[in-house]
Amino acid sequence: MTKEQKQEVIELLKGKFAQYNNFYITDTESLSVAQVTKLRSVCFNKQVEMKVAKNTLIKKALESLDAEKYAGVYEALNNVTALMFSENPKDPALIISSFRTESKSERPILKAAFINGDIYVGDDQLKALTKIKTKNELIGEVIGLLQSPAQRVIAALLEKANKEGGEPAAAAVEAAPAE
């Protein structure tokens, strides 16, 4: 690989690291070509970008962006490295887990993950990463919590109206716009 080609790869990786807040560093060393192709296909279908690059080039790209911010992932840069970039922090973990289950293998191995500034090192972190809540899931939970008191008030009003036989109160509550 020429110096110019290496610089092109570094620039490409810098762009990916700048574009995504989440990336996974995996070891795909003992996977066959067919398995890697299948993994790439699954990643593509889930809008996860998978890139394979030399560890030294990955490290140079990270260091040129922010050496301190990414310092915790440098030790994971060994053996064969595949990077998985995703907007959703949970998708690569789910892909790795399901791929392992389907292929009855322990590969790919999670070496490290960088999720919104937090670093997770080691394959033992995979299960925790599959349980991360996405932004939309958190928003849904907050909305559910905010709606809960209003739903209790409406239920109490309906119950009181039914006990008193008051049709107008029940009709007024039912006519209220639902969210």
C-alpha atoms as a PDB file:
ATOM      1  CA  MET A   1       0.000   0.000   0.000  1.00  0.00           C
ATOM      2  CA  THR A   2       1.483   3.360  -1.020  1.00  0.00           C
ATOM      3  CA  LYS A   3       1.705   6.353   1.278  1.00  0.00           C
ATOM      4  CA  GLU A   4      -1.029   8.098  -0.727  1.00  0.00           C
ATOM      5  CA  GLN A   5      -3.349   5.087  -0.439  1.00  0.00           C
ATOM      6  CA  LYS A   6      -2.772   4.963   3.313  1.00  0.00           C
ATOM      7  CA  GLN A   7      -3.577   8.658   3.585  1.00  0.00           C
ATOM      8  CA  GLU A   8      -6.803   8.121   1.611  1.00  0.00           C
ATOM      9  CA  VAL A   9      -7.867   5.346   4.016  1.00  0.00           C
ATOM     10  CA  ILE A  10      -7.067   7.557   7.017  1.00  0.00           C
ATOM     11  CA  GLU A  11      -9.141  10.407   5.563  1.00  0.00           C
ATOM     12  CA  LEU A  12     -12.037   8.041   4.825  1.00  0.00           C
ATOM     13  CA  LEU A  13     -11.922   6.697   8.396  1.00  0.00           C
ATOM     14  CA  LYS A  14     -11.711  10.204   9.862  1.00  0.00           C
ATOM     15  CA  GLY A  15     -14.873  11.075   7.959  1.00  0.00           C
ATOM     16  CA  LYS A  16     -16.673   8.011   9.338  1.00  0.00           C
ATOM     17  CA  PHE A  17     -15.537   8.656  12.923  1.00  0.00           C
ATOM     18  CA  ALA A  18     -16.667  12.288  12.619  1.00  0.00           C
ATOM     19  CA  GLN A  19     -20.005  11.282  11.059  1.00  0.00           C
ATOM     20  CA  TYR A  20     -21.017   8.656  13.623  1.00  0.00           C
ATOM     21  CA  ASN A  21     -21.214   8.935  17.424  1.00  0.00           C
ATOM     22  CA  ASN A  22     -21.214   5.144  17.674  1.00  0.00           C
ATOM     23  CA  PHE A  23     -18.803   2.558  16.389  1.00  0.00           C
ATOM     24  CA  TYR A  24     -17.854  -0.983  17.281  1.00  0.00           C
ATOM     25  CA  ILE A  25     -14.431  -2.591  16.905  1.00  0.00           C
ATOM     26  CA  THR A  26     -14.747  -6.314  16.211  1.00  0.00           C
ATOM     27  CA  ASP A  27     -12.470  -9.247  15.492  1.00  0.00           C
ATOM     28  CA  THR A  28     -13.565 -11.195  12.405  1.00  0.00           C
ATOM     29  CA  GLU A  29     -10.335 -13.174  12.021  1.00  0.00           C
ATOM     30  CA  SER A  30     -11.592 -16.762  11.774  1.00  0.00           C
ATOM     31  CA  LEU A  31     -14.725 -16.018   9.733  1.00  0.00           C
ATOM     32  CA  SER A  32     -14.873 -17.472   6.244  1.00  0.00           C
ATOM     33  CA  VAL A  33     -15.366 -15.274   3.207  1.00  0.00           C
ATOM     34  CA  ALA A  34     -18.994 -16.446   2.993  1.00  0.00           C
ATOM     35  CA  GLN A  35     -19.585 -15.543   6.649  1.00  0.00           C
ATOM     36  CA  VAL A  36     -18.040 -12.091   6.232  1.00  0.00           C
ATOM     37  CA  THR A  37     -20.179 -11.516   3.144  1.00  0.00           C
ATOM     38  CA  LYS A  38     -23.290 -12.528   5.086  1.00  0.00           C
ATOM     39  CA  LEU A  39     -22.303 -10.251   7.992  1.00  0.00           C
ATOM     40  CA  ARG A  40     -21.806  -7.333   5.584  1.00  0.00           C
ATOM     41  CA  SER A  41     -25.223  -8.010   4.065  1.00  0.00           C
ATOM     42  CA  VAL A  42     -26.923  -8.014   7.465  1.00  0.00           C
ATOM     43  CA  CYS A  43     -25.123  -4.774   8.354  1.00  0.00           C
ATOM     44  CA  PHE A  44     -26.203  -3.168   5.076  1.00  0.00           C
ATOM     45  CA  ASN A  45     -29.855  -4.131   5.695  1.00  0.00           C
ATOM     46  CA  LYS A  46     -29.733  -2.533   9.166  1.00  0.00           C
ATOM     47  CA  GLN A  47     -28.021   0.691   7.953  1.00  0.00           C
ATOM     48  CA  VAL A  48     -24.784  -0.239   9.729  1.00  0.00           C
ATOM     49  CA  GLU A  49     -21.597   0.493   7.788  1.00  0.00           C
ATOM     50  CA  MET A  50     -18.876  -2.141   8.100  1.00  0.00           C
ATOM     51  CA  LYS A  51     -15.291  -1.281   7.182  1.00  0.00           C
ATOM     52  CA  VAL A  52     -12.134  -3.395   7.478  1.00  0.00           C
ATOM     53  CA  ALA A  53      -8.872  -1.516   7.879  1.00  0.00           C
ATOM     54  CA  LYS A  54      -5.371  -1.881   9.236  1.00  0.00           C
ATOM     55  CA  ASN A  55      -5.098  -1.169  12.942  1.00  0.00           C
ATOM     56  CA  THR A  56      -2.334   1.403  12.500  1.00  0.00           C
ATOM     57  CA  LEU A  57      -4.459   3.377  10.033  1.00  0.00           C
ATOM     58  CA  ILE A  58      -7.468   3.266  12.357  1.00  0.00           C
ATOM     59  CA  LYS A  59      -5.319   4.512  15.234  1.00  0.00           C
ATOM     60  CA  LYS A  60      -3.841   7.338  13.126  1.00  0.00           C
ATOM     61  CA  ALA A  61      -7.333   8.433  12.058  1.00  0.00           C
ATOM     62  CA  LEU A  62      -8.584   8.470  15.663  1.00  0.00           C
ATOM     63  CA  GLU A  63      -5.492  10.257  16.955  1.00  0.00           C
ATOM     64  CA  SER A  64      -5.770  12.952  14.302  1.00  0.00           C
ATOM     65  CA  LEU A  65      -9.358  13.663  15.386  1.00  0.00           C
ATOM     66  CA  ASP A  66      -8.971  13.597  19.184  1.00  0.00           C
ATOM     67  CA  ALA A  67      -6.239  11.443  20.728  1.00  0.00           C
ATOM     68  CA  GLU A  68      -7.575  11.706  24.302  1.00  0.00           C
ATOM     69  CA  LYS A  69     -11.237  11.102  23.470  1.00  0.00           C
ATOM     70  CA  TYR A  70     -10.495   7.765  21.798  1.00  0.00           C
ATOM     71  CA  ALA A  71      -7.548   6.668  24.010  1.00  0.00           C
ATOM     72  CA  GLY A  72      -9.557   3.821  25.559  1.00  0.00           C
ATOM     73  CA  VAL A  73     -10.040   2.003  22.253  1.00  0.00           C
ATOM     74  CA  TYR A  74      -6.396   1.856  21.139  1.00  0.00           C
ATOM     75  CA  GLU A  75      -5.669  -1.334  23.085  1.00  0.00           C
ATOM     76  CA  ALA A  76      -8.450  -3.079  21.122  1.00  0.00           C
ATOM     77  CA  LEU A  77      -6.673  -2.438  17.831  1.00  0.00           C
ATOM     78  CA  ASN A  78      -5.019  -5.807  17.266  1.00  0.00           C
ATOM     79  CA  ASN A  79      -5.526  -8.842  15.010  1.00  0.00           C
ATOM     80  CA  VAL A  80      -8.057  -8.473  12.186  1.00  0.00           C
ATOM     81  CA  THR A  81     -10.287  -5.487  12.819  1.00  0.00           C
ATOM     82  CA  ALA A  82     -13.692  -4.718  11.357  1.00  0.00           C
ATOM     83  CA  LEU A  83     -15.379  -1.445  12.275  1.00  0.00           C
ATOM     84  CA  MET A  84     -19.152  -1.119  12.476  1.00  0.00           C
ATOM     85  CA  PHE A  85     -20.576   2.416  12.265  1.00  0.00           C
ATOM     86  CA  SER A  86     -24.182   3.122  13.222  1.00  0.00           C
ATOM     87  CA  GLU A  87     -26.545   5.947  14.144  1.00  0.00           C
ATOM     88  CA  ASN A  88     -28.319   3.557  16.508  1.00  0.00           C
ATOM     89  CA  PRO A  89     -25.934   2.469  19.300  1.00  0.00           C
ATOM     90  CA  LYS A  90     -27.692  -0.844  19.753  1.00  0.00           C
ATOM     91  CA  ASP A  91     -27.872  -2.175  16.176  1.00  0.00           C
ATOM     92  CA  PRO A  92     -24.278  -3.475  15.852  1.00  0.00           C
ATOM     93  CA  ALA A  93     -24.595  -5.339  19.174  1.00  0.00           C
ATOM     94  CA  LEU A  94     -27.837  -6.961  18.020  1.00  0.00           C
ATOM     95  CA  ILE A  95     -26.258  -7.875  14.675  1.00  0.00           C
ATOM     96  CA  ILE A  96     -23.245  -9.493  16.359  1.00  0.00           C
ATOM     97  CA  SER A  97     -25.428 -11.406  18.835  1.00  0.00           C
ATOM     98  CA  SER A  98     -27.849 -12.719  16.221  1.00  0.00           C
ATOM     99  CA  PHE A  99     -25.004 -13.566  13.821  1.00  0.00           C
ATOM    100  CA  ARG A 100     -23.316 -15.624  16.524  1.00  0.00           C
ATOM    101  CA  THR A 101     -26.545 -17.439  17.321  1.00  0.00           C
ATOM    102  CA  GLU A 102     -27.295 -18.234  13.673  1.00  0.00           C
ATOM    103  CA  SER A 103     -23.767 -19.386  12.866  1.00  0.00           C
ATOM    104  CA  LYS A 104     -23.315 -21.189  16.196  1.00  0.00           C
ATOM    105  CA  SER A 105     -19.974 -19.438  16.553  1.00  0.00           C
ATOM    106  CA  GLU A 106     -18.293 -17.060  18.978  1.00  0.00           C
ATOM    107  CA  ARG A 107     -17.246 -14.743  16.156  1.00  0.00           C
ATOM    108  CA  PRO A 108     -17.236 -11.872  15.525  1.00  0.00           C
ATOM    109  CA  ILE A 109     -15.746 -10.906  18.886  1.00  0.00           C
ATOM    110  CA  LEU A 110     -16.462  -7.463  20.286  1.00  0.00           C
ATOM    111  CA  LYS A 111     -13.137  -5.847  21.095  1.00  0.00           C
ATOM    112  CA  ALA A 112     -14.498  -2.400  21.998  1.00  0.00           C
ATOM    113  CA  ALA A 113     -17.394  -0.040  21.385  1.00  0.00           C
ATOM    114  CA  PHE A 114     -17.545   3.740  21.410  1.00  0.00           C
ATOM    115  CA  ILE A 115     -21.096   4.837  22.220  1.00  0.00           C
ATOM    116  CA  ASN A 116     -21.811   8.581  22.460  1.00  0.00           C
ATOM    117  CA  GLY A 117     -18.478   9.231  24.174  1.00  0.00           C
ATOM    118  CA  ASP A 118     -18.521   6.152  26.431  1.00  0.00           C
ATOM    119  CA  ILE A 119     -16.098   3.299  25.810  1.00  0.00           C
ATOM    120  CA  TYR A 120     -16.987  -0.358  26.381  1.00  0.00           C
ATOM    121  CA  VAL A 121     -14.034  -2.741  26.208  1.00  0.00           C
ATOM    122  CA  GLY A 122     -14.265  -6.507  25.891  1.00  0.00           C
ATOM    123  CA  ASP A 123     -16.621  -9.126  24.545  1.00  0.00           C
ATOM    124  CA  ASP A 124     -18.312  -9.415  27.952  1.00  0.00           C
ATOM    125  CA  GLN A 125     -19.896  -5.976  27.294  1.00  0.00           C
ATOM    126  CA  LEU A 126     -21.926  -7.254  24.333  1.00  0.00           C
ATOM    127  CA  LYS A 127     -24.959  -8.307  26.361  1.00  0.00           C
ATOM    128  CA  ALA A 128     -25.128  -4.904  28.076  1.00  0.00           C
ATOM    129  CA  LEU A 129     -24.866  -3.142  24.715  1.00  0.00           C
ATOM    130  CA  THR A 130     -27.854  -5.084  23.341  1.00  0.00           C
ATOM    131  CA  LYS A 131     -29.930  -3.586  26.147  1.00  0.00           C
ATOM    132  CA  ILE A 132     -28.987   0.048  25.535  1.00  0.00           C
ATOM    133  CA  LYS A 133     -32.052   2.196  25.019  1.00  0.00           C
ATOM    134  CA  THR A 134     -32.139   4.228  21.838  1.00  0.00           C
ATOM    135  CA  LYS A 135     -33.146   7.876  21.795  1.00  0.00           C
ATOM    136  CA  ASN A 136     -36.606   7.005  20.436  1.00  0.00           C
ATOM    137  CA  GLU A 137     -37.131   4.324  23.107  1.00  0.00           C
ATOM    138  CA  LEU A 138     -36.241   6.814  25.850  1.00  0.00           C
ATOM    139  CA  ILE A 139     -38.569   9.441  24.382  1.00  0.00           C
ATOM    140  CA  GLY A 140     -41.375   6.854  24.268  1.00  0.00           C
ATOM    141  CA  GLU A 141     -40.830   5.996  27.930  1.00  0.00           C
ATOM    142  CA  VAL A 142     -40.897   9.665  28.950  1.00  0.00           C
ATOM    143  CA  ILE A 143     -44.099  10.256  26.975  1.00  0.00           C
ATOM    144  CA  GLY A 144     -45.631   7.195  28.604  1.00  0.00           C
ATOM    145  CA  LEU A 145     -44.705   8.481  32.043  1.00  0.00           C
ATOM    146  CA  LEU A 146     -46.129  11.905  31.253  1.00  0.00           C
ATOM    147  CA  GLN A 147     -49.393  10.432  29.966  1.00  0.00           C
ATOM    148  CA  SER A 148     -49.826   8.126  32.937  1.00  0.00           C
ATOM    149  CA  PRO A 149     -51.152  10.750  35.433  1.00  0.00           C
ATOM    150  CA  ALA A 150     -53.610  12.127  32.861  1.00  0.00           C
ATOM    151  CA  GLN A 151     -54.877   8.619  32.121  1.00  0.00           C
ATOM    152  CA  ARG A 152     -55.420   8.007  35.854  1.00  0.00           C
ATOM    153  CA  VAL A 153     -57.420  11.257  36.182  1.00  0.00           C
ATOM    154  CA  ILE A 154     -59.602  10.321  33.208  1.00  0.00           C
ATOM    155  CA  ALA A 155     -60.138   6.812  34.595  1.00  0.00           C
ATOM    156  CA  ALA A 156     -61.101   8.241  37.993  1.00  0.00           C
ATOM    157  CA  LEU A 157     -63.568  10.672  36.390  1.00  0.00           C
ATOM    158  CA  LEU A 158     -65.117   7.887  34.323  1.00  0.00           C
ATOM    159  CA  GLU A 159     -65.409   5.658  37.392  1.00  0.00           C
ATOM    160  CA  LYS A 160     -67.030   8.442  39.416  1.00  0.00           C
ATOM    161  CA  ALA A 161     -69.434   9.260  36.588  1.00  0.00           C
ATOM    162  CA  ASN A 162     -70.424   5.604  36.230  1.00  0.00           C
ATOM    163  CA  LYS A 163     -71.075   5.262  39.982  1.00  0.00           C
ATOM    164  CA  GLU A 164     -73.258   8.376  40.025  1.00  0.00           C
ATOM    165  CA  GLY A 165     -74.938   7.424  36.792  1.00  0.00           C
ATOM    166  CA  GLY A 166     -73.789  10.672  35.274  1.00  0.00           C
ATOM    167  CA  GLU A 167     -73.773  10.208  31.543  1.00  0.00           C
ATOM    168  CA  PRO A 168     -72.809  13.844  30.773  1.00  0.00           C
ATOM    169  CA  ALA A 169     -69.474  13.554  32.626  1.00  0.00           C
ATOM    170  CA  ALA A 170     -68.591  10.310  30.861  1.00  0.00           C
ATOM    171  CA  ALA A 171     -69.564  11.775  27.495  1.00  0.00           C
ATOM    172  CA  ALA A 172     -67.440  14.873  28.146  1.00  0.00           C
ATOM    173  CA  VAL A 173     -64.401  12.785  29.018  1.00  0.00           C
ATOM    174  CA  GLU A 174     -64.850  10.555  25.968  1.00  0.00           C
ATOM    175  CA  ALA A 175     -65.253  13.631  23.732  1.00  0.00           C
ATOM    176  CA  ALA A 176     -61.891  15.007  24.905  1.00  0.00           C
ATOM    177  CA  PRO A 177     -59.214  14.700  22.229  1.00  0.00           C
ATOM    178  CA  ALA A 178     -56.938  11.684  22.638  1.00  0.00           C
ATOM    179  CA  GLU A 179     -53.171  12.063  22.303  1.00  0.00           C
END
